[in-house]
Amino acid sequence: MNTAIYAALDQQKKDTLIKEALAFLLEPNRTGYGTRDSPLMDCFREEARKYAHEACIKYIAEHEEFRTAIDTAIVEGYKRFLTTFGEKLYDKIGEHIADALSKRDY
C-alpha cells in the first residue's frame, strides 16, 4: 500500500516527502524537557548497543577465565551485601510481612 501511495504522487510531492522524511530523521527531538538526539542517531546508538551486547556474549562464552571472574565477583558481592545488610534486611522483610498480614481482612 505504501508503494501504491508513493507511486500516485507527482515528482514534486515525492521530493517534498523525501526531504521532510530526511529532515525528521536528522532533526534532534525537542521536548519540554530539553533536546534529545535525532531518530537516526537513536537508531545508530541502539544498533551499536546491540552489537556490543552480542560481542560481549561471544567473548564471555569463549573465555572461561572471564566467566569465572564474573561468577566470583557476583558471589563476593552477594556475600558482602548479606554480611552488611543481612540481619537488617531479614528484620525489614519480617516487619513488612507482619504488617501486611495484620492489615488483611479475614
PDB file of N, CA and C in Angstrom:
ATOM      1  N   MET A   1       0.826  -1.193   0.000  1.00  0.00           N
ATOM      2  CA  MET A   1       0.000   0.000   0.000  1.00  0.00           C
ATOM      3  C   MET A   1       0.866   1.252   0.000  1.00  0.00           C
ATOM      4  N   ASN A   2       1.952   1.247   0.789  1.00  0.00           N
ATOM      5  CA  ASN A   2       2.844   2.407   0.814  1.00  0.00           C
ATOM      6  C   ASN A   2       3.409   2.681  -0.573  1.00  0.00           C
ATOM      7  N   THR A   3       3.765   1.613  -1.287  1.00  0.00           N
ATOM      8  CA  THR A   3       4.308   1.764  -2.633  1.00  0.00           C
ATOM      9  C   THR A   3       3.270   2.377  -3.567  1.00  0.00           C
ATOM     10  N   ALA A   4       2.024   1.947  -3.452  1.00  0.00           N
ATOM     11  CA  ALA A   4       0.952   2.473  -4.299  1.00  0.00           C
ATOM     12  C   ALA A   4       0.718   3.952  -4.022  1.00  0.00           C
ATOM     13  N   ILE A   5       0.739   4.339  -2.761  1.00  0.00           N
ATOM     14  CA  ILE A   5       0.545   5.750  -2.407  1.00  0.00           C
ATOM     15  C   ILE A   5       1.699   6.580  -2.958  1.00  0.00           C
ATOM     16  N   TYR A   6       2.928   6.095  -2.753  1.00  0.00           N
ATOM     17  CA  TYR A   6       4.103   6.820  -3.236  1.00  0.00           C
ATOM     18  C   TYR A   6       4.061   6.949  -4.758  1.00  0.00           C
ATOM     19  N   ALA A   7       3.679   5.879  -5.452  1.00  0.00           N
ATOM     20  CA  ALA A   7       3.618   5.894  -6.914  1.00  0.00           C
ATOM     21  C   ALA A   7       2.568   6.882  -7.418  1.00  0.00           C
ATOM     22  N   ALA A   8       1.532   7.136  -6.644  1.00  0.00           N
ATOM     23  CA  ALA A   8       0.466   8.048  -7.054  1.00  0.00           C
ATOM     24  C   ALA A   8       0.872   9.516  -6.930  1.00  0.00           C
ATOM     25  N   LEU A   9       1.950   9.792  -6.202  1.00  0.00           N
ATOM     26  CA  LEU A   9       2.389  11.174  -6.017  1.00  0.00           C
ATOM     27  C   LEU A   9       3.135  11.676  -7.253  1.00  0.00           C
ATOM     28  N   ASP A  10       2.981  12.987  -7.524  1.00  0.00           N
ATOM     29  CA  ASP A  10       3.788  13.562  -8.611  1.00  0.00           C
ATOM     30  C   ASP A  10       5.202  13.794  -8.088  1.00  0.00           C
ATOM     31  N   GLN A  11       6.143  14.105  -8.955  1.00  0.00           N
ATOM     32  CA  GLN A  11       7.552  14.213  -8.590  1.00  0.00           C
ATOM     33  C   GLN A  11       7.797  15.278  -7.530  1.00  0.00           C
ATOM     34  N   GLN A  12       7.094  16.393  -7.622  1.00  0.00           N
ATOM     35  CA  GLN A  12       7.270  17.461  -6.630  1.00  0.00           C
ATOM     36  C   GLN A  12       6.868  16.977  -5.235  1.00  0.00           C
ATOM     37  N   LYS A  13       5.759  16.264  -5.138  1.00  0.00           N
ATOM     38  CA  LYS A  13       5.309  15.751  -3.837  1.00  0.00           C
ATOM     39  C   LYS A  13       6.257  14.662  -3.333  1.00  0.00           C
ATOM     40  N   LYS A  14       6.787  13.840  -4.238  1.00  0.00           N
ATOM     41  CA  LYS A  14       7.769  12.818  -3.833  1.00  0.00           C
ATOM     42  C   LYS A  14       9.007  13.487  -3.262  1.00  0.00           C
ATOM     43  N   ASP A  15       9.498  14.521  -3.944  1.00  0.00           N
ATOM     44  CA  ASP A  15      10.676  15.247  -3.462  1.00  0.00           C
ATOM     45  C   ASP A  15      10.425  15.855  -2.086  1.00  0.00           C
ATOM     46  N   THR A  16       9.247  16.465  -1.927  1.00  0.00           N
ATOM     47  CA  THR A  16       8.885  17.065  -0.635  1.00  0.00           C
ATOM     48  C   THR A  16       8.817  15.998   0.453  1.00  0.00           C
ATOM     49  N   LEU A  17       8.201  14.869   0.149  1.00  0.00           N
ATOM     50  CA  LEU A  17       8.081  13.782   1.116  1.00  0.00           C
ATOM     51  C   LEU A  17       9.453  13.286   1.550  1.00  0.00           C
ATOM     52  N   ILE A  18      10.348  13.084   0.595  1.00  0.00           N
ATOM     53  CA  ILE A  18      11.693  12.600   0.911  1.00  0.00           C
ATOM     54  C   ILE A  18      12.459  13.626   1.739  1.00  0.00           C
ATOM     55  N   LYS A  19      12.388  14.897   1.346  1.00  0.00           N
ATOM     56  CA  LYS A  19      13.083  15.951   2.103  1.00  0.00           C
ATOM     57  C   LYS A  19      12.568  16.034   3.536  1.00  0.00           C
ATOM     58  N   GLU A  20      11.251  15.987   3.707  1.00  0.00           N
ATOM     59  CA  GLU A  20      10.688  16.074   5.054  1.00  0.00           C
ATOM     60  C   GLU A  20      11.018  14.838   5.888  1.00  0.00           C
ATOM     61  N   ALA A  21      11.037  13.668   5.260  1.00  0.00           N
ATOM     62  CA  ALA A  21      11.401  12.443   5.975  1.00  0.00           C
ATOM     63  C   ALA A  21      12.848  12.511   6.444  1.00  0.00           C
ATOM     64  N   LEU A  22      13.751  12.966   5.567  1.00  0.00           N
ATOM     65  CA  LEU A  22      15.162  13.106   5.954  1.00  0.00           C
ATOM     66  C   LEU A  22      15.337  14.149   7.044  1.00  0.00           C
ATOM     67  N   ALA A  23      14.614  15.255   6.927  1.00  0.00           N
ATOM     68  CA  ALA A  23      14.698  16.301   7.960  1.00  0.00           C
ATOM     69  C   ALA A  23      14.249  15.747   9.305  1.00  0.00           C
ATOM     70  N   PHE A  24      13.173  14.958   9.294  1.00  0.00           N
ATOM     71  CA  PHE A  24      12.693  14.349  10.537  1.00  0.00           C
ATOM     72  C   PHE A  24      13.757  13.425  11.125  1.00  0.00           C
ATOM     73  N   LEU A  25      14.394  12.610  10.287  1.00  0.00           N
ATOM     74  CA  LEU A  25      15.385  11.653  10.776  1.00  0.00           C
ATOM     75  C   LEU A  25      16.630  12.332  11.323  1.00  0.00           C
ATOM     76  N   LEU A  26      16.966  13.496  10.789  1.00  0.00           N
ATOM     77  CA  LEU A  26      18.200  14.174  11.187  1.00  0.00           C
ATOM     78  C   LEU A  26      18.006  15.246  12.254  1.00  0.00           C
ATOM     79  N   GLU A  27      16.774  15.687  12.452  1.00  0.00           N
ATOM     80  CA  GLU A  27      16.491  16.772  13.394  1.00  0.00           C
ATOM     81  C   GLU A  27      16.417  16.247  14.824  1.00  0.00           C
ATOM     82  N   PRO A  28      17.162  16.871  15.736  1.00  0.00           N
ATOM     83  CA  PRO A  28      17.030  16.460  17.143  1.00  0.00           C
ATOM     84  C   PRO A  28      15.605  16.681  17.630  1.00  0.00           C
ATOM     85  N   ASN A  29      15.149  15.812  18.501  1.00  0.00           N
ATOM     86  CA  ASN A  29      13.807  15.935  19.079  1.00  0.00           C
ATOM     87  C   ASN A  29      13.828  17.005  20.160  1.00  0.00           C
ATOM     88  N   ARG A  30      12.929  17.929  20.063  1.00  0.00           N
ATOM     89  CA  ARG A  30      12.825  18.972  21.076  1.00  0.00           C
ATOM     90  C   ARG A  30      11.555  18.714  21.876  1.00  0.00           C
ATOM     91  N   THR A  31      11.748  18.567  23.170  1.00  0.00           N
ATOM     92  CA  THR A  31      10.616  18.325  24.054  1.00  0.00           C
ATOM     93  C   THR A  31      10.596  19.403  25.115  1.00  0.00           C
ATOM     94  N   GLY A  32       9.615  19.356  25.965  1.00  0.00           N
ATOM     95  CA  GLY A  32       9.556  20.299  27.077  1.00  0.00           C
ATOM     96  C   GLY A  32      10.673  20.080  28.078  1.00  0.00           C
ATOM     97  N   TYR A  33      11.379  18.956  27.942  1.00  0.00           N
ATOM     98  CA  TYR A  33      12.442  18.625  28.886  1.00  0.00           C
ATOM     99  C   TYR A  33      13.826  18.820  28.279  1.00  0.00           C
ATOM    100  N   GLY A  34      13.920  19.453  27.124  1.00  0.00           N
ATOM    101  CA  GLY A  34      15.212  19.690  26.504  1.00  0.00           C
ATOM    102  C   GLY A  34      15.282  19.061  25.124  1.00  0.00           C
ATOM    103  N   THR A  35      16.498  18.925  24.622  1.00  0.00           N
ATOM    104  CA  THR A  35      16.717  18.385  23.287  1.00  0.00           C
ATOM    105  C   THR A  35      17.292  16.987  23.392  1.00  0.00           C
ATOM    106  N   ARG A  36      16.728  16.096  22.598  1.00  0.00           N
ATOM    107  CA  ARG A  36      17.239  14.728  22.538  1.00  0.00           C
ATOM    108  C   ARG A  36      17.830  14.499  21.160  1.00  0.00           C
ATOM    109  N   ASP A  37      18.521  13.379  21.004  1.00  0.00           N
ATOM    110  CA  ASP A  37      19.130  13.057  19.722  1.00  0.00           C
ATOM    111  C   ASP A  37      18.079  12.848  18.647  1.00  0.00           C
ATOM    112  N   SER A  38      18.525  12.922  17.405  1.00  0.00           N
ATOM    113  CA  SER A  38      17.630  12.696  16.275  1.00  0.00           C
ATOM    114  C   SER A  38      17.237  11.220  16.222  1.00  0.00           C
ATOM    115  N   PRO A  39      16.136  10.898  15.540  1.00  0.00           N
ATOM    116  CA  PRO A  39      15.749   9.494  15.399  1.00  0.00           C
ATOM    117  C   PRO A  39      16.848   8.647  14.744  1.00  0.00           C
ATOM    118  N   LEU A  40      17.570   9.225  13.780  1.00  0.00           N
ATOM    119  CA  LEU A  40      18.643   8.482  13.131  1.00  0.00           C
ATOM    120  C   LEU A  40      19.773   8.188  14.117  1.00  0.00           C
ATOM    121  N   MET A  41      20.132   9.160  14.951  1.00  0.00           N
ATOM    122  CA  MET A  41      21.175   8.940  15.960  1.00  0.00           C
ATOM    123  C   MET A  41      20.704   7.919  16.985  1.00  0.00           C
ATOM    124  N   ASP A  42      19.438   7.986  17.381  1.00  0.00           N
ATOM    125  CA  ASP A  42      18.891   6.975  18.294  1.00  0.00           C
ATOM    126  C   ASP A  42      19.030   5.581  17.698  1.00  0.00           C
ATOM    127  N   CYS A  43      18.742   5.472  16.413  1.00  0.00           N
ATOM    128  CA  CYS A  43      18.827   4.183  15.722  1.00  0.00           C
ATOM    129  C   CYS A  43      20.269   3.662  15.716  1.00  0.00           C
ATOM    130  N   PHE A  44      21.227   4.529  15.353  1.00  0.00           N
ATOM    131  CA  PHE A  44      22.625   4.116  15.352  1.00  0.00           C
ATOM    132  C   PHE A  44      23.086   3.700  16.745  1.00  0.00           C
ATOM    133  N   ARG A  45      22.683   4.473  17.747  1.00  0.00           N
ATOM    134  CA  ARG A  45      23.075   4.166  19.116  1.00  0.00           C
ATOM    135  C   ARG A  45      22.503   2.815  19.558  1.00  0.00           C
ATOM    136  N   GLU A  46      21.245   2.546  19.207  1.00  0.00           N
ATOM    137  CA  GLU A  46      20.615   1.279  19.577  1.00  0.00           C
ATOM    138  C   GLU A  46      21.300   0.106  18.890  1.00  0.00           C
ATOM    139  N   GLU A  47      21.625   0.260  17.618  1.00  0.00           N
ATOM    140  CA  GLU A  47      22.300  -0.827  16.893  1.00  0.00           C
ATOM    141  C   GLU A  47      23.711  -1.051  17.433  1.00  0.00           C
ATOM    142  N   ALA A  48      24.403   0.014  17.808  1.00  0.00           N
ATOM    143  CA  ALA A  48      25.732  -0.130  18.410  1.00  0.00           C
ATOM    144  C   ALA A  48      25.631  -0.861  19.746  1.00  0.00           C
ATOM    145  N   ARG A  49      24.590  -0.543  20.524  1.00  0.00           N
ATOM    146  CA  ARG A  49      24.376  -1.230  21.792  1.00  0.00           C
ATOM    147  C   ARG A  49      24.121  -2.713  21.567  1.00  0.00           C
ATOM    148  N   LYS A  50      23.296  -3.042  20.559  1.00  0.00           N
ATOM    149  CA  LYS A  50      23.015  -4.450  20.250  1.00  0.00           C
ATOM    150  C   LYS A  50      24.283  -5.184  19.835  1.00  0.00           C
ATOM    151  N   TYR A  51      25.097  -4.541  18.993  1.00  0.00           N
ATOM    152  CA  TYR A  51      26.340  -5.168  18.542  1.00  0.00           C
ATOM    153  C   TYR A  51      27.276  -5.404  19.715  1.00  0.00           C
ATOM    154  N   ALA A  52      27.407  -4.400  20.579  1.00  0.00           N
ATOM    155  CA  ALA A  52      28.284  -4.542  21.747  1.00  0.00           C
ATOM    156  C   ALA A  52      27.786  -5.664  22.655  1.00  0.00           C
ATOM    157  N   HIS A  53      26.479  -5.764  22.820  1.00  0.00           N
ATOM    158  CA  HIS A  53      25.896  -6.816  23.649  1.00  0.00           C
ATOM    159  C   HIS A  53      26.234  -8.200  23.074  1.00  0.00           C
ATOM    160  N   GLU A  54      26.046  -8.355  21.774  1.00  0.00           N
ATOM    161  CA  GLU A  54      26.357  -9.636  21.128  1.00  0.00           C
ATOM    162  C   GLU A  54      27.846  -9.956  21.211  1.00  0.00           C
ATOM    163  N   ALA A  55      28.699  -8.936  21.045  1.00  0.00           N
ATOM    164  CA  ALA A  55      30.145  -9.145  21.140  1.00  0.00           C
ATOM    165  C   ALA A  55      30.533  -9.583  22.546  1.00  0.00           C
ATOM    166  N   CYS A  56      29.907  -9.003  23.566  1.00  0.00           N
ATOM    167  CA  CYS A  56      30.191  -9.396  24.951  1.00  0.00           C
ATOM    168  C   CYS A  56      29.747 -10.827  25.218  1.00  0.00           C
ATOM    169  N   ILE A  57      28.575 -11.191  24.725  1.00  0.00           N
ATOM    170  CA  ILE A  57      28.100 -12.562  24.905  1.00  0.00           C
ATOM    171  C   ILE A  57      29.091 -13.543  24.297  1.00  0.00           C
ATOM    172  N   LYS A  58      29.550 -13.247  23.088  1.00  0.00           N
ATOM    173  CA  LYS A  58      30.504 -14.128  22.402  1.00  0.00           C
ATOM    174  C   LYS A  58      31.815 -14.209  23.183  1.00  0.00           C
ATOM    175  N   TYR A  59      32.335 -13.059  23.632  1.00  0.00           N
ATOM    176  CA  TYR A  59      33.596 -13.043  24.365  1.00  0.00           C
ATOM    177  C   TYR A  59      33.487 -13.853  25.654  1.00  0.00           C
ATOM    178  N   ILE A  60      32.406 -13.632  26.390  1.00  0.00           N
ATOM    179  CA  ILE A  60      32.230 -14.353  27.651  1.00  0.00           C
ATOM    180  C   ILE A  60      32.097 -15.847  27.405  1.00  0.00           C
ATOM    181  N   ALA A  61      31.387 -16.215  26.364  1.00  0.00           N
ATOM    182  CA  ALA A  61      31.219 -17.641  26.047  1.00  0.00           C
ATOM    183  C   ALA A  61      32.551 -18.295  25.690  1.00  0.00           C
ATOM    184  N   GLU A  62      33.456 -17.554  25.084  1.00  0.00           N
ATOM    185  CA  GLU A  62      34.733 -18.113  24.621  1.00  0.00           C
ATOM    186  C   GLU A  62      35.845 -18.046  25.661  1.00  0.00           C
ATOM    187  N   HIS A  63      35.661 -17.367  26.777  1.00  0.00           N
ATOM    188  CA  HIS A  63      36.735 -17.170  27.764  1.00  0.00           C
ATOM    189  C   HIS A  63      36.265 -17.597  29.150  1.00  0.00           C
ATOM    190  N   GLU A  64      36.594 -18.810  29.489  1.00  0.00           N
ATOM    191  CA  GLU A  64      36.159 -19.368  30.775  1.00  0.00           C
ATOM    192  C   GLU A  64      36.700 -18.576  31.959  1.00  0.00           C
ATOM    193  N   GLU A  65      37.947 -18.098  31.853  1.00  0.00           N
ATOM    194  CA  GLU A  65      38.534 -17.356  32.978  1.00  0.00           C
ATOM    195  C   GLU A  65      37.744 -16.079  33.255  1.00  0.00           C
ATOM    196  N   PHE A  66      37.197 -15.480  32.213  1.00  0.00           N
ATOM    197  CA  PHE A  66      36.385 -14.276  32.383  1.00  0.00           C
ATOM    198  C   PHE A  66      35.061 -14.622  33.053  1.00  0.00           C
ATOM    199  N   ARG A  67      34.448 -15.740  32.624  1.00  0.00           N
ATOM    200  CA  ARG A  67      33.202 -16.190  33.261  1.00  0.00           C
ATOM    201  C   ARG A  67      33.436 -16.482  34.738  1.00  0.00           C
ATOM    202  N   THR A  68      34.549 -17.120  35.045  1.00  0.00           N
ATOM    203  CA  THR A  68      34.879 -17.436  36.433  1.00  0.00           C
ATOM    204  C   THR A  68      35.037 -16.156  37.250  1.00  0.00           C
ATOM    205  N   ALA A  69      35.703 -15.159  36.662  1.00  0.00           N
ATOM    206  CA  ALA A  69      35.896 -13.876  37.366  1.00  0.00           C
ATOM    207  C   ALA A  69      34.551 -13.199  37.616  1.00  0.00           C
ATOM    208  N   ILE A  70      33.658 -13.253  36.645  1.00  0.00           N
ATOM    209  CA  ILE A  70      32.327 -12.662  36.822  1.00  0.00           C
ATOM    210  C   ILE A  70      31.571 -13.399  37.919  1.00  0.00           C
ATOM    211  N   ASP A  71      31.579 -14.732  37.862  1.00  0.00           N
ATOM    212  CA  ASP A  71      30.892 -15.523  38.889  1.00  0.00           C
ATOM    213  C   ASP A  71      31.433 -15.227  40.278  1.00  0.00           C
ATOM    214  N   THR A  72      32.743 -15.124  40.390  1.00  0.00           N
ATOM    215  CA  THR A  72      33.371 -14.832  41.678  1.00  0.00           C
ATOM    216  C   THR A  72      32.948 -13.453  42.181  1.00  0.00           C
ATOM    217  N   ALA A  73      32.942 -12.473  41.296  1.00  0.00           N
ATOM    218  CA  ALA A  73      32.545 -11.115  41.687  1.00  0.00           C
ATOM    219  C   ALA A  73      31.093 -11.085  42.154  1.00  0.00           C
ATOM    220  N   ILE A  74      30.227 -11.829  41.480  1.00  0.00           N
ATOM    221  CA  ILE A  74      28.819 -11.873  41.877  1.00  0.00           C
ATOM    222  C   ILE A  74      28.680 -12.497  43.260  1.00  0.00           C
ATOM    223  N   VAL A  75      29.332 -13.625  43.469  1.00  0.00           N
ATOM    224  CA  VAL A  75      29.241 -14.304  44.764  1.00  0.00           C
ATOM    225  C   VAL A  75      29.825 -13.435  45.869  1.00  0.00           C
ATOM    226  N   GLU A  76      30.974 -12.821  45.630  1.00  0.00           N
ATOM    227  CA  GLU A  76      31.598 -11.970  46.644  1.00  0.00           C
ATOM    228  C   GLU A  76      30.722 -10.753  46.954  1.00  0.00           C
ATOM    229  N   GLY A  77      30.139 -10.169  45.927  1.00  0.00           N
ATOM    230  CA  GLY A  77      29.247  -9.017  46.141  1.00  0.00           C
ATOM    231  C   GLY A  77      28.021  -9.414  46.940  1.00  0.00           C
ATOM    232  N   TYR A  78      27.463 -10.572  46.634  1.00  0.00           N
ATOM    233  CA  TYR A  78      26.286 -11.052  47.361  1.00  0.00           C
ATOM    234  C   TYR A  78      26.640 -11.329  48.818  1.00  0.00           C
ATOM    235  N   LYS A  79      27.794 -11.963  49.058  1.00  0.00           N
ATOM    236  CA  LYS A  79      28.238 -12.226  50.441  1.00  0.00           C
ATOM    237  C   LYS A  79      28.421 -10.915  51.203  1.00  0.00           C
ATOM    238  N   ARG A  80      29.044  -9.935  50.556  1.00  0.00           N
ATOM    239  CA  ARG A  80      29.284  -8.644  51.200  1.00  0.00           C
ATOM    240  C   ARG A  80      27.955  -7.955  51.518  1.00  0.00           C
ATOM    241  N   PHE A  81      26.994  -8.050  50.585  1.00  0.00           N
ATOM    242  CA  PHE A  81      25.681  -7.467  50.809  1.00  0.00           C
ATOM    243  C   PHE A  81      25.000  -8.109  52.009  1.00  0.00           C
ATOM    244  N   LEU A  82      25.004  -9.443  52.053  1.00  0.00           N
ATOM    245  CA  LEU A  82      24.345 -10.127  53.165  1.00  0.00           C
ATOM    246  C   LEU A  82      25.056  -9.878  54.490  1.00  0.00           C
ATOM    247  N   THR A  83      26.382  -9.791  54.450  1.00  0.00           N
ATOM    248  CA  THR A  83      27.139  -9.520  55.674  1.00  0.00           C
ATOM    249  C   THR A  83      26.825  -8.119  56.187  1.00  0.00           C
ATOM    250  N   THR A  84      26.708  -7.171  55.269  1.00  0.00           N
ATOM    251  CA  THR A  84      26.467  -5.782  55.656  1.00  0.00           C
ATOM    252  C   THR A  84      25.013  -5.531  56.026  1.00  0.00           C
ATOM    253  N   PHE A  85      24.087  -6.059  55.216  1.00  0.00           N
ATOM    254  CA  PHE A  85      22.674  -5.728  55.390  1.00  0.00           C
ATOM    255  C   PHE A  85      21.803  -6.915  55.775  1.00  0.00           C
ATOM    256  N   GLY A  86      22.379  -8.095  55.849  1.00  0.00           N
ATOM    257  CA  GLY A  86      21.599  -9.311  56.029  1.00  0.00           C
ATOM    258  C   GLY A  86      20.617  -9.282  57.174  1.00  0.00           C
ATOM    259  N   GLU A  87      21.094  -9.033  58.387  1.00  0.00           N
ATOM    260  CA  GLU A  87      20.208  -9.065  59.546  1.00  0.00           C
ATOM    261  C   GLU A  87      19.153  -7.965  59.463  1.00  0.00           C
ATOM    262  N   LYS A  88      19.575  -6.770  59.080  1.00  0.00           N
ATOM    263  CA  LYS A  88      18.622  -5.670  58.931  1.00  0.00           C
ATOM    264  C   LYS A  88      17.602  -5.993  57.837  1.00  0.00           C
ATOM    265  N   LEU A  89      18.093  -6.597  56.758  1.00  0.00           N
ATOM    266  CA  LEU A  89      17.216  -6.949  55.647  1.00  0.00           C
ATOM    267  C   LEU A  89      16.174  -7.963  56.085  1.00  0.00           C
ATOM    268  N   TYR A  90      16.616  -8.995  56.789  1.00  0.00           N
ATOM    269  CA  TYR A  90      15.675 -10.012  57.265  1.00  0.00           C
ATOM    270  C   TYR A  90      14.665  -9.407  58.236  1.00  0.00           C
ATOM    271  N   ASP A  91      15.127  -8.505  59.100  1.00  0.00           N
ATOM    272  CA  ASP A  91      14.207  -7.841  60.026  1.00  0.00           C
ATOM    273  C   ASP A  91      13.172  -7.021  59.274  1.00  0.00           C
ATOM    274  N   LYS A  92      13.621  -6.272  58.269  1.00  0.00           N
ATOM    275  CA  LYS A  92      12.701  -5.435  57.485  1.00  0.00           C
ATOM    276  C   LYS A  92      11.693  -6.302  56.731  1.00  0.00           C
ATOM    277  N   ILE A  93      12.159  -7.394  56.143  1.00  0.00           N
ATOM    278  CA  ILE A  93      11.243  -8.291  55.429  1.00  0.00           C
ATOM    279  C   ILE A  93      10.198  -8.838  56.402  1.00  0.00           C
ATOM    280  N   GLY A  94      10.642  -9.254  57.566  1.00  0.00           N
ATOM    281  CA  GLY A  94       9.720  -9.758  58.581  1.00  0.00           C
ATOM    282  C   GLY A  94       8.705  -8.714  58.999  1.00  0.00           C
ATOM    283  N   GLU A  95       9.165  -7.483  59.195  1.00  0.00           N
ATOM    284  CA  GLU A  95       8.259  -6.395  59.576  1.00  0.00           C
ATOM    285  C   GLU A  95       7.212  -6.150  58.493  1.00  0.00           C
ATOM    286  N   HIS A  96       7.635  -6.147  57.238  1.00  0.00           N
ATOM    287  CA  HIS A  96       6.695  -5.902  56.131  1.00  0.00           C
ATOM    288  C   HIS A  96       5.683  -7.030  55.997  1.00  0.00           C
ATOM    289  N   ILE A  97       6.135  -8.254  56.188  1.00  0.00           N
ATOM    290  CA  ILE A  97       5.200  -9.386  56.118  1.00  0.00           C
ATOM    291  C   ILE A  97       4.194  -9.306  57.256  1.00  0.00           C
ATOM    292  N   ALA A  98       4.690  -9.046  58.462  1.00  0.00           N
ATOM    293  CA  ALA A  98       3.800  -8.933  59.618  1.00  0.00           C
ATOM    294  C   ALA A  98       2.817  -7.782  59.432  1.00  0.00           C
ATOM    295  N   ASP A  99       3.295  -6.662  58.925  1.00  0.00           N
ATOM    296  CA  ASP A  99       2.436  -5.510  58.690  1.00  0.00           C
ATOM    297  C   ASP A  99       1.358  -5.844  57.656  1.00  0.00           C
ATOM    298  N   ALA A 100       1.758  -6.504  56.559  1.00  0.00           N
ATOM    299  CA  ALA A 100       0.789  -6.865  55.524  1.00  0.00           C
ATOM    300  C   ALA A 100      -0.242  -7.846  56.050  1.00  0.00           C
ATOM    301  N   LEU A 101       0.191  -8.798  56.837  1.00  0.00           N
ATOM    302  CA  LEU A 101      -0.745  -9.785  57.381  1.00  0.00           C
ATOM    303  C   LEU A 101      -1.710  -9.156  58.380  1.00  0.00           C
ATOM    304  N   SER A 102      -1.227  -8.177  59.155  1.00  0.00           N
ATOM    305  CA  SER A 102      -2.095  -7.554  60.143  1.00  0.00           C
ATOM    306  C   SER A 102      -3.178  -6.685  59.482  1.00  0.00           C
ATOM    307  N   LYS A 103      -2.973  -6.263  58.255  1.00  0.00           N
ATOM    308  CA  LYS A 103      -3.935  -5.425  57.552  1.00  0.00           C
ATOM    309  C   LYS A 103      -4.942  -6.236  56.739  1.00  0.00           C
ATOM    310  N   ARG A 104      -4.780  -7.519  56.666  1.00  0.00           N
ATOM    311  CA  ARG A 104      -5.697  -8.367  55.876  1.00  0.00           C
ATOM    312  C   ARG A 104      -7.025  -8.505  56.585  1.00  0.00           C
ATOM    313  N   ASP A 105      -8.066  -8.600  55.790  1.00  0.00           N
ATOM    314  CA  ASP A 105      -9.404  -8.861  56.316  1.00  0.00           C
ATOM    315  C   ASP A 105      -9.648 -10.355  56.228  1.00  0.00           C
ATOM    316  N   TYR A 106      -9.929 -10.972  57.369  1.00  0.00           N
ATOM    317  CA  TYR A 106     -10.191 -12.419  57.366  1.00  0.00           C
ATOM    318  C   TYR A 106     -11.657 -12.672  57.544  1.00  0.00           C
TER     319      TYR A 106
END
